[in-house]
Amino acid sequence: MARLTLLNTAPVPAASTTSSARTLRIGDLAKKTGKSQRALRLYEELGLLTPSERTSGGFRLYGAEAFARVEWIGKLQELGFTLEQIQRLVATISEERVPREAMAQVRGLFLQKLDDVAAQIARLSQLQRELMSSLAYLESCGGCETHPEDGRSGAACCSGCTTHKDVAAPPLLEQTTKTAAHS
């Protein structure tokens, strides 16, 4: 089972010498992670990311663990965690004296997010079915040029289409053609 390792969030003293070959400036870390420098500074402000050192000129330098940390934050955000929730998660883990209890709290949060993701997948699956149904309907469309009764042309004629006979247009497409008919 993987262990979650937290970075020390205490202030880092300024370095008096040049950085080692394994540290990255904030711009380099931003490029490597696809995050903006502003986002990385915000993570630092929230206690989610800490530079391993600073140059004598005050530049932030990040060690190899910073990349993994930013990726972890990004994954949690993709799961729907807000930065505030991630901050609370880090605080919970840092403050909890009994690792089992800390991990039980993390487990509870992850279970809740799993339910949220499952609900989101269900919503997206329904949208996918509606899009597929609409595309199938459009594939069988005869491409009317004018409305058979009043001579309307273009998409406006779809609202009275006789190509599909008794097959109702899928809801997504029905509203699309009604919009065209009212234009």
N, C-alpha and C. Protein backbone atom coordinates (compact mmCIF):
# COMPACT_ATOMS: atom_id res chain seq x y z
N MET A 1 0.85 -1.18 0.00
CA MET A 1 0.00 0.00 0.00
C MET A 1 0.90 1.24 0.00
N ALA A 2 0.59 2.19 -0.89
CA ALA A 2 1.40 3.39 -1.00
C ALA A 2 1.20 4.30 0.21
N ARG A 3 2.27 4.97 0.60
CA ARG A 3 2.19 5.90 1.73
C ARG A 3 2.18 7.31 1.20
N LEU A 4 1.41 8.15 1.82
CA LEU A 4 1.35 9.55 1.46
C LEU A 4 2.38 10.29 2.28
N THR A 5 3.31 10.95 1.61
CA THR A 5 4.35 11.70 2.29
C THR A 5 4.07 13.17 2.10
N LEU A 6 4.02 13.89 3.18
CA LEU A 6 3.75 15.32 3.12
C LEU A 6 5.05 16.10 3.22
N LEU A 7 5.10 17.18 2.48
CA LEU A 7 6.25 18.06 2.57
C LEU A 7 6.17 18.89 3.83
N ASN A 8 7.29 19.25 4.35
CA ASN A 8 7.32 20.16 5.49
C ASN A 8 6.80 21.51 5.02
N THR A 9 5.82 22.05 5.70
CA THR A 9 5.26 23.33 5.28
C THR A 9 5.82 24.50 6.07
N ALA A 10 6.86 24.26 6.84
CA ALA A 10 7.50 25.35 7.59
C ALA A 10 8.29 26.23 6.63
N PRO A 11 8.47 27.51 6.95
CA PRO A 11 9.25 28.39 6.09
C PRO A 11 10.66 27.84 5.87
N VAL A 12 11.17 28.07 4.69
CA VAL A 12 12.49 27.57 4.33
C VAL A 12 13.47 28.73 4.38
N PRO A 13 14.60 28.54 5.06
CA PRO A 13 15.58 29.62 5.11
C PRO A 13 16.18 29.87 3.73
N ALA A 14 16.62 31.09 3.49
CA ALA A 14 17.22 31.45 2.21
C ALA A 14 18.55 30.74 2.06
N ALA A 15 18.82 30.31 0.83
CA ALA A 15 20.10 29.66 0.55
C ALA A 15 21.13 30.72 0.25
N SER A 16 22.32 30.48 0.67
CA SER A 16 23.35 31.48 0.44
C SER A 16 24.23 31.15 -0.75
N THR A 17 24.05 29.95 -1.30
CA THR A 17 24.87 29.56 -2.44
C THR A 17 23.98 29.22 -3.61
N THR A 18 24.58 28.87 -4.71
CA THR A 18 23.80 28.52 -5.90
C THR A 18 23.11 27.19 -5.68
N SER A 19 22.08 26.95 -6.48
CA SER A 19 21.27 25.75 -6.30
C SER A 19 22.00 24.51 -6.82
N SER A 20 21.56 23.39 -6.32
CA SER A 20 22.12 22.13 -6.80
C SER A 20 21.50 21.81 -8.15
N ALA A 21 22.07 20.85 -8.84
CA ALA A 21 21.60 20.49 -10.17
C ALA A 21 20.20 19.87 -10.14
N ARG A 22 19.73 19.43 -8.97
CA ARG A 22 18.45 18.75 -8.90
C ARG A 22 17.30 19.67 -8.50
N THR A 23 17.50 20.93 -8.40
CA THR A 23 16.42 21.85 -8.05
C THR A 23 15.96 22.59 -9.28
N LEU A 24 14.71 23.02 -9.23
CA LEU A 24 14.10 23.76 -10.34
C LEU A 24 13.63 25.12 -9.85
N ARG A 25 13.79 26.12 -10.67
CA ARG A 25 13.18 27.41 -10.38
C ARG A 25 11.69 27.29 -10.64
N ILE A 26 10.93 28.23 -10.12
CA ILE A 26 9.48 28.16 -10.23
C ILE A 26 9.02 28.11 -11.69
N GLY A 27 9.68 28.85 -12.55
CA GLY A 27 9.31 28.83 -13.97
C GLY A 27 9.51 27.47 -14.61
N ASP A 28 10.61 26.82 -14.24
CA ASP A 28 10.89 25.48 -14.77
C ASP A 28 9.89 24.46 -14.24
N LEU A 29 9.54 24.57 -12.96
CA LEU A 29 8.55 23.67 -12.38
C LEU A 29 7.19 23.92 -13.04
N ALA A 30 6.87 25.17 -13.30
CA ALA A 30 5.61 25.50 -13.97
C ALA A 30 5.56 24.84 -15.35
N LYS A 31 6.62 24.96 -16.11
CA LYS A 31 6.67 24.35 -17.45
C LYS A 31 6.56 22.83 -17.36
N LYS A 32 7.27 22.25 -16.42
CA LYS A 32 7.30 20.79 -16.28
C LYS A 32 5.94 20.23 -15.86
N THR A 33 5.19 20.98 -15.06
CA THR A 33 3.90 20.48 -14.55
C THR A 33 2.71 20.98 -15.35
N GLY A 34 2.93 21.99 -16.19
CA GLY A 34 1.80 22.56 -16.93
C GLY A 34 0.97 23.52 -16.10
N LYS A 35 1.45 23.88 -14.95
CA LYS A 35 0.77 24.85 -14.08
C LYS A 35 1.41 26.21 -14.28
N SER A 36 0.70 27.25 -13.92
CA SER A 36 1.27 28.59 -14.02
C SER A 36 2.10 28.89 -12.77
N GLN A 37 3.00 29.85 -12.90
CA GLN A 37 3.78 30.27 -11.74
C GLN A 37 2.85 30.82 -10.67
N ARG A 38 1.81 31.48 -11.10
CA ARG A 38 0.83 32.03 -10.15
C ARG A 38 0.18 30.90 -9.34
N ALA A 39 -0.16 29.80 -10.02
CA ALA A 39 -0.77 28.66 -9.32
C ALA A 39 0.20 28.09 -8.30
N LEU A 40 1.46 27.96 -8.68
CA LEU A 40 2.46 27.41 -7.77
C LEU A 40 2.66 28.32 -6.56
N ARG A 41 2.62 29.63 -6.78
CA ARG A 41 2.73 30.56 -5.65
C ARG A 41 1.51 30.43 -4.73
N LEU A 42 0.35 30.24 -5.33
CA LEU A 42 -0.86 30.05 -4.52
C LEU A 42 -0.75 28.76 -3.71
N TYR A 43 -0.26 27.68 -4.31
CA TYR A 43 -0.07 26.44 -3.57
C TYR A 43 0.85 26.68 -2.38
N GLU A 44 1.89 27.47 -2.62
CA GLU A 44 2.82 27.77 -1.52
C GLU A 44 2.11 28.58 -0.43
N GLU A 45 1.34 29.56 -0.85
CA GLU A 45 0.62 30.41 0.11
C GLU A 45 -0.35 29.58 0.95
N LEU A 46 -0.95 28.57 0.34
CA LEU A 46 -1.91 27.71 1.05
C LEU A 46 -1.24 26.60 1.85
N GLY A 47 0.08 26.52 1.77
CA GLY A 47 0.81 25.49 2.52
C GLY A 47 0.80 24.14 1.83
N LEU A 48 0.48 24.11 0.54
CA LEU A 48 0.43 22.85 -0.19
C LEU A 48 1.76 22.50 -0.85
N LEU A 49 2.59 23.49 -1.04
CA LEU A 49 3.87 23.30 -1.72
C LEU A 49 4.89 24.20 -1.04
N THR A 50 6.07 23.66 -0.85
CA THR A 50 7.12 24.44 -0.19
C THR A 50 8.40 24.32 -1.00
N PRO A 51 9.03 25.44 -1.33
CA PRO A 51 10.32 25.34 -2.01
C PRO A 51 11.33 24.65 -1.09
N SER A 52 12.23 23.89 -1.68
CA SER A 52 13.24 23.22 -0.86
C SER A 52 14.28 24.21 -0.37
N GLU A 53 14.43 25.30 -1.13
CA GLU A 53 15.36 26.35 -0.72
C GLU A 53 15.08 27.60 -1.53
N ARG A 54 15.78 28.66 -1.17
CA ARG A 54 15.72 29.92 -1.93
C ARG A 54 17.15 30.36 -2.21
N THR A 55 17.30 31.00 -3.35
CA THR A 55 18.64 31.51 -3.67
C THR A 55 18.89 32.76 -2.84
N SER A 56 20.10 33.25 -2.88
CA SER A 56 20.42 34.48 -2.15
C SER A 56 19.61 35.65 -2.70
N GLY A 57 19.17 35.54 -3.96
CA GLY A 57 18.33 36.57 -4.56
C GLY A 57 16.85 36.37 -4.27
N GLY A 58 16.51 35.32 -3.53
CA GLY A 58 15.12 35.09 -3.14
C GLY A 58 14.32 34.22 -4.10
N PHE A 59 14.96 33.68 -5.14
CA PHE A 59 14.24 32.82 -6.07
C PHE A 59 13.89 31.50 -5.41
N ARG A 60 12.67 31.04 -5.66
CA ARG A 60 12.23 29.75 -5.13
C ARG A 60 12.92 28.63 -5.91
N LEU A 61 13.38 27.64 -5.19
CA LEU A 61 13.96 26.45 -5.80
C LEU A 61 13.23 25.24 -5.26
N TYR A 62 12.83 24.36 -6.15
CA TYR A 62 12.05 23.19 -5.78
C TYR A 62 12.82 21.92 -6.07
N GLY A 63 12.73 20.98 -5.16
CA GLY A 63 13.38 19.69 -5.32
C GLY A 63 12.53 18.76 -6.17
N ALA A 64 13.04 17.57 -6.39
CA ALA A 64 12.36 16.58 -7.22
C ALA A 64 10.98 16.22 -6.68
N GLU A 65 10.79 16.27 -5.38
CA GLU A 65 9.50 15.91 -4.79
C GLU A 65 8.40 16.92 -5.14
N ALA A 66 8.77 18.14 -5.53
CA ALA A 66 7.78 19.16 -5.85
C ALA A 66 6.95 18.78 -7.07
N PHE A 67 7.59 18.16 -8.07
CA PHE A 67 6.85 17.74 -9.25
C PHE A 67 5.76 16.75 -8.86
N ALA A 68 6.11 15.75 -8.07
CA ALA A 68 5.13 14.76 -7.62
C ALA A 68 4.02 15.42 -6.81
N ARG A 69 4.39 16.39 -5.99
CA ARG A 69 3.41 17.09 -5.16
C ARG A 69 2.41 17.85 -6.02
N VAL A 70 2.90 18.57 -7.02
CA VAL A 70 2.02 19.34 -7.91
C VAL A 70 1.13 18.39 -8.72
N GLU A 71 1.67 17.27 -9.15
CA GLU A 71 0.87 16.27 -9.87
C GLU A 71 -0.24 15.73 -8.96
N TRP A 72 0.08 15.48 -7.69
CA TRP A 72 -0.90 15.00 -6.72
C TRP A 72 -2.02 16.03 -6.53
N ILE A 73 -1.65 17.28 -6.38
CA ILE A 73 -2.64 18.35 -6.25
C ILE A 73 -3.53 18.38 -7.49
N GLY A 74 -2.92 18.28 -8.67
CA GLY A 74 -3.67 18.28 -9.91
C GLY A 74 -4.66 17.13 -10.01
N LYS A 75 -4.24 15.94 -9.59
CA LYS A 75 -5.14 14.78 -9.61
C LYS A 75 -6.32 14.99 -8.67
N LEU A 76 -6.03 15.52 -7.49
CA LEU A 76 -7.13 15.79 -6.55
C LEU A 76 -8.09 16.83 -7.12
N GLN A 77 -7.55 17.84 -7.80
CA GLN A 77 -8.42 18.84 -8.43
C GLN A 77 -9.26 18.20 -9.53
N GLU A 78 -8.67 17.31 -10.32
CA GLU A 78 -9.43 16.62 -11.36
C GLU A 78 -10.57 15.80 -10.76
N LEU A 79 -10.36 15.29 -9.56
CA LEU A 79 -11.40 14.53 -8.88
C LEU A 79 -12.48 15.44 -8.29
N GLY A 80 -12.26 16.74 -8.36
CA GLY A 80 -13.26 17.68 -7.86
C GLY A 80 -12.94 18.30 -6.52
N PHE A 81 -11.77 18.02 -5.97
CA PHE A 81 -11.37 18.65 -4.72
C PHE A 81 -11.02 20.11 -5.00
N THR A 82 -11.49 20.99 -4.15
CA THR A 82 -11.09 22.39 -4.25
C THR A 82 -9.75 22.55 -3.54
N LEU A 83 -9.08 23.65 -3.79
CA LEU A 83 -7.81 23.88 -3.09
C LEU A 83 -8.04 23.95 -1.59
N GLU A 84 -9.15 24.50 -1.18
CA GLU A 84 -9.47 24.56 0.26
C GLU A 84 -9.62 23.16 0.83
N GLN A 85 -10.27 22.26 0.10
CA GLN A 85 -10.42 20.89 0.57
C GLN A 85 -9.08 20.17 0.63
N ILE A 86 -8.23 20.43 -0.36
CA ILE A 86 -6.90 19.83 -0.36
C ILE A 86 -6.10 20.35 0.83
N GLN A 87 -6.25 21.64 1.09
CA GLN A 87 -5.56 22.26 2.23
C GLN A 87 -6.02 21.60 3.53
N ARG A 88 -7.34 21.38 3.68
CA ARG A 88 -7.86 20.72 4.87
C ARG A 88 -7.38 19.27 4.95
N LEU A 89 -7.30 18.60 3.82
CA LEU A 89 -6.80 17.23 3.79
C LEU A 89 -5.36 17.18 4.30
N VAL A 90 -4.54 18.08 3.80
CA VAL A 90 -3.14 18.14 4.24
C VAL A 90 -3.08 18.45 5.73
N ALA A 91 -3.89 19.39 6.19
CA ALA A 91 -3.89 19.74 7.61
C ALA A 91 -4.35 18.56 8.46
N THR A 92 -5.37 17.85 8.01
CA THR A 92 -5.87 16.70 8.75
C THR A 92 -4.78 15.65 8.91
N ILE A 93 -4.10 15.36 7.83
CA ILE A 93 -3.05 14.35 7.87
C ILE A 93 -1.89 14.82 8.74
N SER A 94 -1.55 16.10 8.63
CA SER A 94 -0.42 16.64 9.40
C SER A 94 -0.73 16.71 10.89
N GLU A 95 -1.97 17.04 11.24
CA GLU A 95 -2.33 17.25 12.63
C GLU A 95 -2.71 15.96 13.36
N GLU A 96 -3.17 14.97 12.63
CA GLU A 96 -3.63 13.73 13.25
C GLU A 96 -2.43 12.96 13.81
N ARG A 97 -2.50 12.63 15.07
CA ARG A 97 -1.39 11.95 15.73
C ARG A 97 -1.41 10.44 15.50
N VAL A 98 -2.58 9.91 15.16
CA VAL A 98 -2.71 8.47 14.94
C VAL A 98 -2.89 8.24 13.44
N PRO A 99 -1.88 7.65 12.80
CA PRO A 99 -1.96 7.47 11.34
C PRO A 99 -3.22 6.74 10.87
N ARG A 100 -3.64 5.74 11.63
CA ARG A 100 -4.84 4.99 11.23
C ARG A 100 -6.06 5.91 11.16
N GLU A 101 -6.20 6.82 12.12
CA GLU A 101 -7.33 7.74 12.12
C GLU A 101 -7.22 8.74 10.97
N ALA A 102 -6.01 9.20 10.69
CA ALA A 102 -5.81 10.12 9.57
C ALA A 102 -6.20 9.45 8.27
N MET A 103 -5.76 8.22 8.08
CA MET A 103 -6.07 7.50 6.85
C MET A 103 -7.55 7.15 6.77
N ALA A 104 -8.21 6.95 7.91
CA ALA A 104 -9.66 6.71 7.91
C ALA A 104 -10.39 7.96 7.40
N GLN A 105 -9.91 9.12 7.80
CA GLN A 105 -10.52 10.36 7.31
C GLN A 105 -10.27 10.53 5.81
N VAL A 106 -9.07 10.22 5.37
CA VAL A 106 -8.74 10.30 3.94
C VAL A 106 -9.62 9.31 3.17
N ARG A 107 -9.77 8.13 3.72
CA ARG A 107 -10.61 7.10 3.08
C ARG A 107 -12.04 7.61 2.92
N GLY A 108 -12.57 8.24 3.96
CA GLY A 108 -13.92 8.79 3.89
C GLY A 108 -14.05 9.85 2.79
N LEU A 109 -13.07 10.72 2.71
CA LEU A 109 -13.09 11.75 1.65
C LEU A 109 -13.02 11.11 0.27
N PHE A 110 -12.15 10.11 0.13
CA PHE A 110 -12.00 9.45 -1.17
C PHE A 110 -13.26 8.68 -1.54
N LEU A 111 -13.91 8.05 -0.57
CA LEU A 111 -15.17 7.35 -0.86
C LEU A 111 -16.24 8.32 -1.34
N GLN A 112 -16.30 9.48 -0.70
CA GLN A 112 -17.26 10.50 -1.12
C GLN A 112 -16.97 10.95 -2.55
N LYS A 113 -15.70 11.17 -2.86
CA LYS A 113 -15.32 11.58 -4.21
C LYS A 113 -15.59 10.47 -5.22
N LEU A 114 -15.42 9.22 -4.81
CA LEU A 114 -15.72 8.10 -5.69
C LEU A 114 -17.20 8.12 -6.07
N ASP A 115 -18.08 8.39 -5.10
CA ASP A 115 -19.51 8.51 -5.37
C ASP A 115 -19.77 9.67 -6.34
N ASP A 116 -19.09 10.79 -6.12
CA ASP A 116 -19.25 11.95 -7.00
C ASP A 116 -18.81 11.63 -8.43
N VAL A 117 -17.68 10.93 -8.56
CA VAL A 117 -17.17 10.56 -9.88
C VAL A 117 -18.14 9.59 -10.56
N ALA A 118 -18.67 8.64 -9.81
CA ALA A 118 -19.64 7.68 -10.38
C ALA A 118 -20.88 8.43 -10.89
N ALA A 119 -21.35 9.41 -10.14
CA ALA A 119 -22.51 10.19 -10.57
C ALA A 119 -22.18 11.01 -11.81
N GLN A 120 -20.98 11.57 -11.86
CA GLN A 120 -20.56 12.34 -13.02
C GLN A 120 -20.45 11.43 -14.25
N ILE A 121 -19.92 10.23 -14.06
CA ILE A 121 -19.81 9.28 -15.18
C ILE A 121 -21.21 8.92 -15.69
N ALA A 122 -22.16 8.74 -14.78
CA ALA A 122 -23.53 8.42 -15.18
C ALA A 122 -24.12 9.57 -16.00
N ARG A 123 -23.89 10.82 -15.54
CA ARG A 123 -24.39 11.98 -16.30
C ARG A 123 -23.75 12.06 -17.68
N LEU A 124 -22.44 11.84 -17.73
CA LEU A 124 -21.74 11.89 -19.01
C LEU A 124 -22.16 10.75 -19.92
N SER A 125 -22.41 9.59 -19.35
CA SER A 125 -22.89 8.45 -20.15
C SER A 125 -24.25 8.76 -20.76
N GLN A 126 -25.11 9.40 -19.99
CA GLN A 126 -26.43 9.79 -20.51
C GLN A 126 -26.26 10.80 -21.65
N LEU A 127 -25.39 11.77 -21.48
CA LEU A 127 -25.12 12.73 -22.56
C LEU A 127 -24.55 12.03 -23.78
N GLN A 128 -23.69 11.06 -23.57
CA GLN A 128 -23.12 10.31 -24.68
C GLN A 128 -24.22 9.57 -25.44
N ARG A 129 -25.14 8.94 -24.72
CA ARG A 129 -26.25 8.23 -25.38
C ARG A 129 -27.12 9.21 -26.17
N GLU A 130 -27.37 10.39 -25.60
CA GLU A 130 -28.18 11.38 -26.31
C GLU A 130 -27.47 11.86 -27.58
N LEU A 131 -26.17 12.10 -27.49
CA LEU A 131 -25.41 12.50 -28.68
C LEU A 131 -25.41 11.40 -29.73
N MET A 132 -25.20 10.16 -29.31
CA MET A 132 -25.18 9.04 -30.26
C MET A 132 -26.55 8.87 -30.92
N SER A 133 -27.60 9.01 -30.15
CA SER A 133 -28.97 8.91 -30.68
C SER A 133 -29.22 10.03 -31.69
N SER A 134 -28.78 11.23 -31.35
CA SER A 134 -28.96 12.37 -32.26
C SER A 134 -28.16 12.16 -33.54
N LEU A 135 -26.95 11.67 -33.42
CA LEU A 135 -26.13 11.43 -34.61
C LEU A 135 -26.74 10.33 -35.48
N ALA A 136 -27.25 9.27 -34.87
CA ALA A 136 -27.90 8.20 -35.63
C ALA A 136 -29.12 8.75 -36.37
N TYR A 137 -29.88 9.58 -35.71
CA TYR A 137 -31.05 10.19 -36.32
C TYR A 137 -30.63 11.06 -37.51
N LEU A 138 -29.58 11.84 -37.31
CA LEU A 138 -29.10 12.72 -38.38
C LEU A 138 -28.53 11.93 -39.56
N GLU A 139 -27.92 10.77 -39.28
CA GLU A 139 -27.38 9.93 -40.36
C GLU A 139 -28.50 9.46 -41.28
N SER A 140 -29.69 9.25 -40.73
CA SER A 140 -30.81 8.78 -41.54
C SER A 140 -31.63 9.93 -42.11
N CYS A 141 -31.17 11.14 -41.87
CA CYS A 141 -31.89 12.32 -42.34
C CYS A 141 -31.82 12.38 -43.86
N GLY A 142 -32.99 12.64 -44.47
CA GLY A 142 -33.05 12.72 -45.93
C GLY A 142 -32.56 14.03 -46.49
N GLY A 143 -32.32 14.98 -45.64
CA GLY A 143 -31.81 16.25 -46.12
C GLY A 143 -32.85 17.06 -46.87
N CYS A 144 -34.02 17.23 -46.27
CA CYS A 144 -35.08 18.03 -46.88
C CYS A 144 -34.54 19.40 -47.27
N GLU A 145 -35.02 19.89 -48.39
CA GLU A 145 -34.60 21.22 -48.80
C GLU A 145 -35.63 22.27 -48.40
N THR A 146 -36.89 21.88 -48.38
CA THR A 146 -37.94 22.82 -47.97
C THR A 146 -38.98 22.08 -47.14
N HIS A 147 -39.67 22.81 -46.29
CA HIS A 147 -40.74 22.24 -45.48
C HIS A 147 -41.88 21.89 -46.42
N PRO A 148 -42.45 20.67 -46.30
CA PRO A 148 -43.48 20.25 -47.25
C PRO A 148 -44.75 21.09 -47.23
N GLU A 149 -45.07 21.73 -46.12
CA GLU A 149 -46.34 22.46 -46.03
C GLU A 149 -46.21 23.96 -46.28
N ASP A 150 -45.16 24.60 -45.73
CA ASP A 150 -45.09 26.06 -45.84
C ASP A 150 -43.85 26.57 -46.55
N GLY A 151 -43.05 25.68 -47.09
CA GLY A 151 -41.92 26.10 -47.90
C GLY A 151 -40.71 26.60 -47.14
N ARG A 152 -40.70 26.48 -45.78
CA ARG A 152 -39.50 26.90 -45.03
C ARG A 152 -38.31 26.07 -45.49
N SER A 153 -37.13 26.69 -45.48
CA SER A 153 -35.95 25.96 -45.91
C SER A 153 -34.92 25.88 -44.80
N GLY A 154 -33.87 25.12 -45.04
CA GLY A 154 -32.80 24.98 -44.07
C GLY A 154 -33.25 24.16 -42.87
N ALA A 155 -32.60 24.38 -41.75
CA ALA A 155 -32.89 23.61 -40.53
C ALA A 155 -34.30 23.85 -40.03
N ALA A 156 -34.90 24.96 -40.40
CA ALA A 156 -36.27 25.25 -39.97
C ALA A 156 -37.25 24.22 -40.50
N CYS A 157 -36.95 23.59 -41.64
CA CYS A 157 -37.88 22.60 -42.20
C CYS A 157 -37.85 21.30 -41.42
N CYS A 158 -36.85 21.08 -40.57
CA CYS A 158 -36.74 19.83 -39.82
C CYS A 158 -37.90 19.61 -38.85
N SER A 159 -38.50 20.68 -38.38
CA SER A 159 -39.58 20.51 -37.40
C SER A 159 -40.80 19.83 -38.02
N GLY A 160 -40.92 19.83 -39.32
CA GLY A 160 -42.04 19.14 -39.98
C GLY A 160 -41.56 18.05 -40.90
N CYS A 161 -40.40 17.50 -40.65
CA CYS A 161 -39.76 16.51 -41.49
C CYS A 161 -40.63 15.27 -41.64
N THR A 162 -40.76 14.79 -42.86
CA THR A 162 -41.52 13.56 -43.11
C THR A 162 -40.60 12.38 -43.39
N THR A 163 -39.29 12.61 -43.45
CA THR A 163 -38.34 11.53 -43.71
C THR A 163 -38.37 10.48 -42.62
N HIS A 164 -38.51 10.91 -41.37
CA HIS A 164 -38.43 9.98 -40.24
C HIS A 164 -39.80 9.41 -39.86
N LYS A 165 -40.81 9.79 -40.58
CA LYS A 165 -42.17 9.28 -40.37
C LYS A 165 -42.58 9.41 -38.91
N ASP A 166 -42.77 8.27 -38.21
CA ASP A 166 -43.27 8.27 -36.84
C ASP A 166 -42.16 8.27 -35.79
N VAL A 167 -40.92 8.43 -36.20
CA VAL A 167 -39.80 8.42 -35.26
C VAL A 167 -39.57 9.85 -34.77
N ALA A 168 -39.74 10.05 -33.49
CA ALA A 168 -39.54 11.38 -32.91
C ALA A 168 -38.04 11.69 -32.85
N ALA A 169 -37.73 12.93 -33.06
CA ALA A 169 -36.33 13.36 -32.95
C ALA A 169 -35.88 13.23 -31.49
N PRO A 170 -34.63 12.82 -31.27
CA PRO A 170 -34.10 12.78 -29.90
C PRO A 170 -34.20 14.17 -29.27
N PRO A 171 -34.32 14.23 -27.93
CA PRO A 171 -34.51 15.53 -27.26
C PRO A 171 -33.47 16.60 -27.63
N LEU A 172 -32.21 16.23 -27.72
CA LEU A 172 -31.19 17.22 -28.08
C LEU A 172 -31.48 17.81 -29.45
N LEU A 173 -31.82 16.97 -30.38
CA LEU A 173 -32.07 17.41 -31.75
C LEU A 173 -33.41 18.11 -31.87
N GLU A 174 -34.39 17.66 -31.13
CA GLU A 174 -35.71 18.27 -31.17
C GLU A 174 -35.63 19.75 -30.79
N GLN A 175 -34.93 20.04 -29.72
CA GLN A 175 -34.79 21.43 -29.32
C GLN A 175 -33.95 22.23 -30.32
N THR A 176 -32.99 21.57 -30.95
CA THR A 176 -32.18 22.25 -31.96
C THR A 176 -33.03 22.65 -33.14
N THR A 177 -33.90 21.75 -33.60
CA THR A 177 -34.74 22.08 -34.75
C THR A 177 -35.83 23.08 -34.39
N LYS A 178 -36.33 23.01 -33.15
CA LYS A 178 -37.33 24.01 -32.73
C LYS A 178 -36.71 25.39 -32.68
N THR A 179 -35.46 25.47 -32.26
CA THR A 179 -34.75 26.75 -32.24
C THR A 179 -34.64 27.30 -33.65
N ALA A 180 -34.32 26.43 -34.61
CA ALA A 180 -34.19 26.87 -36.00
C ALA A 180 -35.53 27.30 -36.55
N ALA A 181 -36.61 26.60 -36.16
CA ALA A 181 -37.95 26.94 -36.65
C ALA A 181 -38.42 28.29 -36.14
N HIS A 182 -37.95 28.67 -34.95
CA HIS A 182 -38.37 29.94 -34.36
C HIS A 182 -37.48 31.11 -34.77
N SER A 183 -36.42 30.83 -35.49
CA SER A 183 -35.48 31.90 -35.88
C SER A 183 -35.99 32.67 -37.05
